[in-house]
């Protein structure tokens, strides 16, 4: 782990939030700069405050992203600079992922508008990786400028599940991948964040497929797909969590039907309880 992460493991949650005691001067400076992004409890500061989990419509999310972008650009040079920049990007990342998932579910033709979201998601993912590895954070140019939503959809609410929050697990697991992959495909919603981290870490193009056996209505119907590959090569299909394997298998079958690429499946986390119910004891899901 020491080769992957530059900060102490006790200061990172399994998902990617930062935890520090309030008497840590660097973290406290970051907290003072933007307290609404943090949560305080029992002498500990958590970098994922209420605003991280807040229920917002699309217009409100895009407005918050722009507010956070301006905060990012206005951060003064200080010892806590990298911490507050990571926290801001972490909050922006979660909102971008939820918006991208929403766009794929409501637009008939989403490719052109989603292109700007993918670009913004990739910038956030790369910034997150650089922070954990102790590298200089990338400069912001205009990565967030192109995100938008149709005015008729601005008051609608994306899915409430955050599912863009497991950076620690994603980065630590993808670093052990041995096989060479040409393309990364994330399963929306949760797999987008994991795939974005893998895409940036491996420097491979990111695509998204929207399918789920939990709460989606598109099973058996047309499946939204943002495709960013040629029809030759190796695809790594990623989801955040695997229990029965049904979602990964359905997505793999669909991709097999539309491409000649070799497809490998990968889950960042294994849902042990569901795995044993479905695979070992043969219970119905």
Protein backbone atom coordinates (compact mmCIF):
# COMPACT_ATOMS: atom_id res chain seq x y z
CA UNK A 1 0.00 0.00 0.00
CA UNK A 2 2.85 2.37 0.71
CA UNK A 3 3.73 2.38 -2.98
CA UNK A 4 0.18 3.40 -3.91
CA UNK A 5 -0.84 5.93 -1.29
CA UNK A 6 1.09 8.86 0.11
CA UNK A 7 -1.15 9.53 3.12
CA UNK A 8 -1.66 7.41 6.21
CA UNK A 9 -4.24 4.65 5.95
CA UNK A 10 -5.92 5.65 9.22
CA UNK A 11 -6.86 8.97 7.65
CA UNK A 12 -8.75 7.39 4.71
CA UNK A 13 -12.09 5.65 5.01
CA UNK A 14 -12.61 2.50 2.96
CA UNK A 15 -14.61 4.58 0.50
CA UNK A 16 -12.42 7.66 0.18
CA UNK A 17 -13.50 10.20 2.78
CA UNK A 18 -10.72 11.77 4.84
CA UNK A 19 -10.80 11.56 8.65
CA UNK A 20 -8.66 13.76 10.87
CA UNK A 21 -8.85 14.92 14.49
CA UNK A 22 -9.91 18.54 14.78
CA UNK A 23 -6.53 19.45 16.28
CA UNK A 24 -4.76 18.54 13.03
CA UNK A 25 -3.73 22.00 11.85
CA UNK A 26 -3.72 21.29 8.09
CA UNK A 27 -7.10 19.60 8.06
CA UNK A 28 -8.58 22.24 10.34
CA UNK A 29 -7.43 24.97 7.94
CA UNK A 30 -9.16 23.16 5.11
CA UNK A 31 -12.28 22.85 7.26
CA UNK A 32 -12.24 26.56 8.10
CA UNK A 33 -11.93 27.44 4.41
CA UNK A 34 -15.09 25.55 3.42
CA UNK A 35 -16.89 24.15 6.51
CA UNK A 36 -20.07 23.18 4.60
CA UNK A 37 -18.16 20.35 2.93
CA UNK A 38 -17.18 18.71 6.24
CA UNK A 39 -18.84 16.90 9.11
CA UNK A 40 -17.69 17.26 12.71
CA UNK A 41 -18.34 14.55 15.28
CA UNK A 42 -16.63 13.69 18.56
CA UNK A 43 -13.44 15.60 17.86
CA UNK A 44 -13.09 14.18 14.33
CA UNK A 45 -13.58 15.93 10.99
CA UNK A 46 -14.97 13.99 8.02
CA UNK A 47 -14.53 15.41 4.52
CA UNK A 48 -17.99 14.27 3.44
CA UNK A 49 -20.41 16.57 5.15
CA UNK A 50 -24.13 17.02 4.61
CA UNK A 51 -23.70 18.63 1.20
CA UNK A 52 -22.15 15.42 -0.14
CA UNK A 53 -25.38 13.50 0.48
CA UNK A 54 -27.85 16.32 -0.11
CA UNK A 55 -30.87 15.62 -2.33
CA UNK A 56 -30.72 18.12 -5.22
CA UNK A 57 -32.35 18.51 -8.61
CA UNK A 58 -30.24 18.80 -11.77
CA UNK A 59 -30.18 22.61 -11.80
CA UNK A 60 -29.12 22.72 -8.16
CA UNK A 61 -26.38 20.16 -8.76
CA UNK A 62 -24.95 22.04 -11.71
CA UNK A 63 -25.09 25.29 -9.73
CA UNK A 64 -23.24 23.65 -6.82
CA UNK A 65 -20.60 22.26 -9.17
CA UNK A 66 -19.95 25.76 -10.51
CA UNK A 67 -19.82 27.22 -7.00
CA UNK A 68 -17.31 24.55 -5.97
CA UNK A 69 -15.29 25.15 -9.13
CA UNK A 70 -14.98 28.84 -8.24
CA UNK A 71 -13.91 27.89 -4.71
CA UNK A 72 -11.28 25.55 -6.19
CA UNK A 73 -9.89 28.35 -8.35
CA UNK A 74 -9.87 30.85 -5.46
CA UNK A 75 -8.00 28.66 -2.97
CA UNK A 76 -5.06 30.66 -1.61
CA UNK A 77 -1.62 29.14 -1.43
CA UNK A 78 -1.47 27.43 1.95
CA UNK A 79 -0.21 24.21 3.47
CA UNK A 80 -3.74 22.74 3.41
CA UNK A 81 -4.22 23.57 -0.28
CA UNK A 82 -4.09 19.98 -1.55
CA UNK A 83 -6.51 18.74 1.11
CA UNK A 84 -9.22 21.29 0.35
CA UNK A 85 -8.75 20.78 -3.40
CA UNK A 86 -9.23 17.03 -3.00
CA UNK A 87 -12.35 17.54 -0.87
CA UNK A 88 -13.86 19.93 -3.43
CA UNK A 89 -13.12 17.56 -6.33
CA UNK A 90 -14.52 14.62 -4.35
CA UNK A 91 -17.83 16.51 -3.91
CA UNK A 92 -17.91 17.56 -7.57
CA UNK A 93 -17.15 13.99 -8.72
CA UNK A 94 -20.16 12.52 -6.90
CA UNK A 95 -22.51 15.05 -8.49
CA UNK A 96 -21.11 14.54 -11.98
CA UNK A 97 -21.56 10.77 -11.74
CA UNK A 98 -25.18 11.10 -10.63
CA UNK A 99 -25.90 13.59 -13.42
CA UNK A 100 -24.29 11.36 -16.05
CA UNK A 101 -26.43 8.43 -14.89
CA UNK A 102 -29.56 10.62 -15.08
CA UNK A 103 -28.72 11.89 -18.57
CA UNK A 104 -28.33 8.36 -19.93
CA UNK A 105 -31.76 7.48 -18.58
CA UNK A 106 -33.75 10.40 -20.02
CA UNK A 107 -32.10 11.53 -23.27
CA UNK A 108 -32.84 9.63 -26.47
CA UNK A 109 -29.53 10.83 -27.89
CA UNK A 110 -27.14 11.55 -25.05
CA UNK A 111 -23.73 11.10 -26.68
CA UNK A 112 -22.98 14.76 -27.42
CA UNK A 113 -24.02 16.11 -24.02
CA UNK A 114 -22.41 13.19 -22.15
CA UNK A 115 -19.06 13.82 -23.82
CA UNK A 116 -18.54 16.93 -21.66
CA UNK A 117 -19.54 15.03 -18.52
CA UNK A 118 -17.05 12.24 -19.29
CA UNK A 119 -14.33 14.85 -19.74
CA UNK A 120 -15.19 16.43 -16.37
CA UNK A 121 -15.42 13.03 -14.64
CA UNK A 122 -12.00 12.06 -16.01
CA UNK A 123 -10.43 15.27 -14.71
CA UNK A 124 -11.89 14.62 -11.24
CA UNK A 125 -10.72 11.00 -11.26
CA UNK A 126 -7.19 11.98 -12.26
CA UNK A 127 -7.08 14.67 -9.55
CA UNK A 128 -8.22 12.12 -6.95
CA UNK A 129 -5.50 9.65 -8.01
CA UNK A 130 -2.82 12.36 -7.89
CA UNK A 131 -3.89 13.35 -4.38
CA UNK A 132 -3.70 9.81 -3.01
CA UNK A 133 -0.33 9.21 -4.68
CA UNK A 134 1.19 12.48 -3.48
CA UNK A 135 1.65 13.87 -6.98
CA UNK A 136 1.04 17.51 -7.96
CA UNK A 137 -2.65 18.07 -8.64
CA UNK A 138 -3.49 18.86 -12.27
CA UNK A 139 -4.30 22.44 -13.16
CA UNK A 140 -7.90 23.25 -13.93
CA UNK A 141 -8.44 24.56 -17.45
CA UNK A 142 -12.05 24.36 -18.56
CA UNK A 143 -13.08 20.78 -17.76
CA UNK A 144 -16.33 21.73 -15.99
CA UNK A 145 -17.46 24.45 -18.38
CA UNK A 146 -19.33 22.20 -20.82
CA UNK A 147 -21.75 20.49 -18.44
CA UNK A 148 -25.40 21.41 -18.96
CA UNK A 149 -28.93 20.04 -18.82
CA UNK A 150 -32.02 20.60 -20.92
CA UNK A 151 -34.17 23.32 -19.25
CA UNK A 152 -37.16 20.96 -19.26
CA UNK A 153 -35.21 18.49 -17.09
CA UNK A 154 -33.55 20.92 -14.71
CA UNK A 155 -36.06 20.42 -11.91
CA UNK A 156 -35.89 16.63 -12.01
CA UNK A 157 -33.92 14.69 -9.42
CA UNK A 158 -31.13 12.22 -10.25
CA UNK A 159 -31.00 8.98 -8.31
CA UNK A 160 -30.36 9.67 -4.64
CA UNK A 161 -27.82 6.91 -4.09
CA UNK A 162 -24.38 8.50 -4.07
CA UNK A 163 -22.38 5.51 -5.32
CA UNK A 164 -19.44 7.65 -6.39
CA UNK A 165 -17.55 7.34 -3.17
CA UNK A 166 -15.27 4.30 -3.15
CA UNK A 167 -12.04 5.86 -4.43
CA UNK A 168 -9.82 4.11 -1.89
CA UNK A 169 -11.09 0.65 -2.79
CA UNK A 170 -11.12 1.43 -6.52
CA UNK A 171 -7.55 2.68 -6.64
CA UNK A 172 -6.11 0.00 -4.38
CA UNK A 173 -7.80 -2.79 -6.36
CA UNK A 174 -7.10 -1.52 -9.88
CA UNK A 175 -3.42 -1.20 -9.06
CA UNK A 176 -3.23 -5.02 -8.89
CA UNK A 177 -4.64 -5.62 -12.37
CA UNK A 178 -2.10 -7.57 -14.43
CA UNK A 179 -3.76 -8.03 -17.82
CA UNK A 180 -3.49 -5.37 -20.52
CA UNK A 181 -6.85 -3.77 -21.31
CA UNK A 182 -7.61 -1.38 -24.15
CA UNK A 183 -10.96 0.04 -22.99
CA UNK A 184 -12.76 0.54 -19.68
CA UNK A 185 -16.56 0.30 -19.41
CA UNK A 186 -18.36 1.30 -16.21
CA UNK A 187 -21.87 0.13 -15.28
CA UNK A 188 -24.02 3.07 -14.18
CA UNK A 189 -24.56 4.16 -11.52
CA UNK A 190 -21.99 2.79 -9.12
CA UNK A 191 -19.55 1.44 -11.68
CA UNK A 192 -18.98 4.85 -13.26
CA UNK A 193 -16.77 6.09 -10.43
CA UNK A 194 -14.76 2.85 -10.22
CA UNK A 195 -14.33 2.76 -14.00
CA UNK A 196 -13.26 6.41 -14.10
CA UNK A 197 -10.53 5.73 -11.54
CA UNK A 198 -9.41 2.65 -13.51
CA UNK A 199 -9.56 4.54 -16.81
CA UNK A 200 -7.30 7.32 -15.55
CA UNK A 201 -4.95 4.98 -13.68
CA UNK A 202 -4.50 2.74 -16.73
CA UNK A 203 -4.75 5.65 -19.19
CA UNK A 204 -7.49 3.95 -21.24
CA UNK A 205 -10.72 5.37 -22.75
CA UNK A 206 -13.85 5.38 -20.57
CA UNK A 207 -17.27 4.18 -21.71
CA UNK A 208 -20.53 3.78 -19.74
CA UNK A 209 -23.39 1.28 -19.92
CA UNK A 210 -26.56 1.83 -17.89
CA UNK A 211 -28.09 -1.37 -16.56
CA UNK A 212 -29.16 -2.65 -13.15
CA UNK A 213 -31.19 -5.46 -11.63
CA UNK A 214 -32.04 -3.42 -8.55
CA UNK A 215 -34.15 -0.46 -9.59
CA UNK A 216 -33.93 0.11 -13.33
CA UNK A 217 -36.69 -0.46 -15.87
CA UNK A 218 -34.48 -1.04 -18.91
CA UNK A 219 -33.82 -4.74 -18.40
CA UNK A 220 -34.83 -6.52 -21.58
CA UNK A 221 -35.31 -3.22 -23.41
CA UNK A 222 -32.82 -0.96 -25.17
CA UNK A 223 -29.76 -0.46 -22.99
CA UNK A 224 -28.14 3.01 -22.94
CA UNK A 225 -24.48 2.83 -23.90
CA UNK A 226 -21.85 5.55 -24.29
CA UNK A 227 -19.32 3.83 -26.54
CA UNK A 228 -15.70 4.93 -26.74
CA UNK A 229 -13.90 2.02 -28.39
CA UNK A 230 -13.03 0.40 -31.67
CA UNK A 231 -14.29 -3.12 -32.32
CA UNK A 232 -10.96 -4.78 -31.63
CA UNK A 233 -9.17 -5.13 -28.33
CA UNK A 234 -9.83 -6.03 -24.69
CA UNK A 235 -12.63 -4.45 -22.64
CA UNK A 236 -12.63 -4.37 -18.85
CA UNK A 237 -16.27 -4.15 -17.69
CA UNK A 238 -16.46 -2.72 -14.16
CA UNK A 239 -19.18 -2.48 -11.53
CA UNK A 240 -18.78 -1.22 -7.98
CA UNK A 241 -20.40 -4.22 -6.31
CA UNK A 242 -21.15 -7.81 -7.26
CA UNK A 243 -23.50 -10.16 -5.44
CA UNK A 244 -25.33 -12.53 -7.75
CA UNK A 245 -23.36 -11.41 -10.82
CA UNK A 246 -26.58 -10.85 -12.77
CA UNK A 247 -25.89 -7.22 -13.69
CA UNK A 248 -22.34 -7.91 -14.86
CA UNK A 249 -23.48 -10.94 -16.87
CA UNK A 250 -26.32 -9.03 -18.51
CA UNK A 251 -23.99 -6.20 -19.47
CA UNK A 252 -21.37 -8.65 -20.76
CA UNK A 253 -23.95 -10.45 -22.91
CA UNK A 254 -25.10 -7.17 -24.39
CA UNK A 255 -21.55 -6.05 -25.19
CA UNK A 256 -20.77 -9.42 -26.76
CA UNK A 257 -23.73 -8.90 -29.08
CA UNK A 258 -22.51 -5.54 -30.38
CA UNK A 259 -18.71 -5.81 -30.46
CA UNK A 260 -15.95 -8.23 -31.41
CA UNK A 261 -13.84 -7.16 -28.43
CA UNK A 262 -12.78 -9.59 -25.72
CA UNK A 263 -14.65 -8.73 -22.49
CA UNK A 264 -13.53 -9.32 -18.90
CA UNK A 265 -15.73 -8.51 -15.91
CA UNK A 266 -14.51 -6.93 -12.70
CA UNK A 267 -16.16 -5.81 -9.47
CA UNK A 268 -14.44 -3.52 -7.01
CA UNK A 269 -16.33 -5.04 -4.09
CA UNK A 270 -17.97 -8.43 -3.54
CA UNK A 271 -21.32 -8.45 -1.74
CA UNK A 272 -20.59 -11.55 0.35
CA UNK A 273 -24.09 -12.10 1.76
CA UNK A 274 -25.73 -12.00 -1.67
CA UNK A 275 -22.91 -14.07 -3.17
CA UNK A 276 -23.48 -16.90 -0.69
CA UNK A 277 -27.26 -16.76 -1.06
CA UNK A 278 -27.13 -16.94 -4.86
CA UNK A 279 -24.01 -18.98 -5.61
CA UNK A 280 -23.60 -21.28 -2.63
CA UNK A 281 -27.07 -21.89 -1.21
CA UNK A 282 -28.88 -21.38 -4.55
CA UNK A 283 -31.55 -19.14 -2.99
CA UNK A 284 -33.54 -16.87 -5.25
CA UNK A 285 -32.22 -13.31 -5.21
